[in-house]
Amino acid sequence: MRSFLYKLARFLGDVNAVKKGRVGRRVKRRAAGRSTGKLLRKLFK
């Protein structure tokens, strides 16, 4: 259930970004978040 809600929230955020014309900004932030998460995972492994 929780994973479904997270996916729904992410989808709604995408829809909102498209409506406001901020898709590029959202993509950049997502990529930055992923790379930060990978870096932190390596540090604390």
C-alpha atoms as a PDB file:
ATOM      1  CA  MET A   1       0.000   0.000   0.000  1.00  0.00           C
ATOM      2  CA  ARG A   2       2.755   2.432   0.944  1.00  0.00           C
ATOM      3  CA  SER A   3       4.662   1.885  -2.301  1.00  0.00           C
ATOM      4  CA  PHE A   4       1.480   2.544  -4.271  1.00  0.00           C
ATOM      5  CA  LEU A   5       0.953   5.833  -2.450  1.00  0.00           C
ATOM      6  CA  TYR A   6       4.558   6.913  -3.090  1.00  0.00           C
ATOM      7  CA  LYS A   7       4.195   6.109  -6.787  1.00  0.00           C
ATOM      8  CA  LEU A   8       0.913   7.987  -6.925  1.00  0.00           C
ATOM      9  CA  ALA A   9       2.492  11.025  -5.275  1.00  0.00           C
ATOM     10  CA  ARG A  10       5.386  10.930  -7.741  1.00  0.00           C
ATOM     11  CA  PHE A  11       2.965  10.689 -10.667  1.00  0.00           C
ATOM     12  CA  LEU A  12       0.893  13.597  -9.375  1.00  0.00           C
ATOM     13  CA  GLY A  13       4.078  15.632  -8.959  1.00  0.00           C
ATOM     14  CA  ASP A  14       4.952  14.888 -12.592  1.00  0.00           C
ATOM     15  CA  VAL A  15       1.506  15.980 -13.733  1.00  0.00           C
ATOM     16  CA  ASN A  16       1.799  19.161 -11.692  1.00  0.00           C
ATOM     17  CA  ALA A  17       5.231  19.911 -13.179  1.00  0.00           C
ATOM     18  CA  VAL A  18       3.862  19.474 -16.706  1.00  0.00           C
ATOM     19  CA  LYS A  19       0.993  21.837 -15.967  1.00  0.00           C
ATOM     20  CA  LYS A  20       3.332  24.502 -14.616  1.00  0.00           C
ATOM     21  CA  GLY A  21       5.974  23.974 -17.301  1.00  0.00           C
ATOM     22  CA  ARG A  22       8.694  22.933 -14.874  1.00  0.00           C
ATOM     23  CA  VAL A  23       9.503  19.485 -16.210  1.00  0.00           C
ATOM     24  CA  GLY A  24      13.205  20.182 -16.792  1.00  0.00           C
ATOM     25  CA  ARG A  25      13.690  21.418 -13.244  1.00  0.00           C
ATOM     26  CA  ARG A  26      11.951  18.332 -11.863  1.00  0.00           C
ATOM     27  CA  VAL A  27      14.075  15.960 -13.957  1.00  0.00           C
ATOM     28  CA  LYS A  28      17.282  17.665 -12.776  1.00  0.00           C
ATOM     29  CA  ARG A  29      16.229  17.457  -9.136  1.00  0.00           C
ATOM     30  CA  ARG A  30      15.308  13.786  -9.479  1.00  0.00           C
ATOM     31  CA  ALA A  31      18.678  12.993 -11.046  1.00  0.00           C
ATOM     32  CA  ALA A  32      20.467  14.927  -8.303  1.00  0.00           C
ATOM     33  CA  GLY A  33      18.507  13.042  -5.641  1.00  0.00           C
ATOM     34  CA  ARG A  34      19.376   9.684  -7.173  1.00  0.00           C
ATOM     35  CA  SER A  35      23.075  10.454  -7.419  1.00  0.00           C
ATOM     36  CA  THR A  36      23.138  11.776  -3.854  1.00  0.00           C
ATOM     37  CA  GLY A  37      21.429   8.625  -2.643  1.00  0.00           C
ATOM     38  CA  LYS A  38      23.961   6.424  -4.421  1.00  0.00           C
ATOM     39  CA  LEU A  39      26.838   8.406  -2.965  1.00  0.00           C
ATOM     40  CA  LEU A  40      25.441   8.178   0.563  1.00  0.00           C
ATOM     41  CA  ARG A  41      24.817   4.471   0.148  1.00  0.00           C
ATOM     42  CA  LYS A  42      28.463   3.938  -0.778  1.00  0.00           C
ATOM     43  CA  LEU A  43      29.666   6.035   2.144  1.00  0.00           C
ATOM     44  CA  PHE A  44      27.620   4.238   4.789  1.00  0.00           C
ATOM     45  CA  LYS A  45      27.887   0.730   3.433  1.00  0.00           C
END
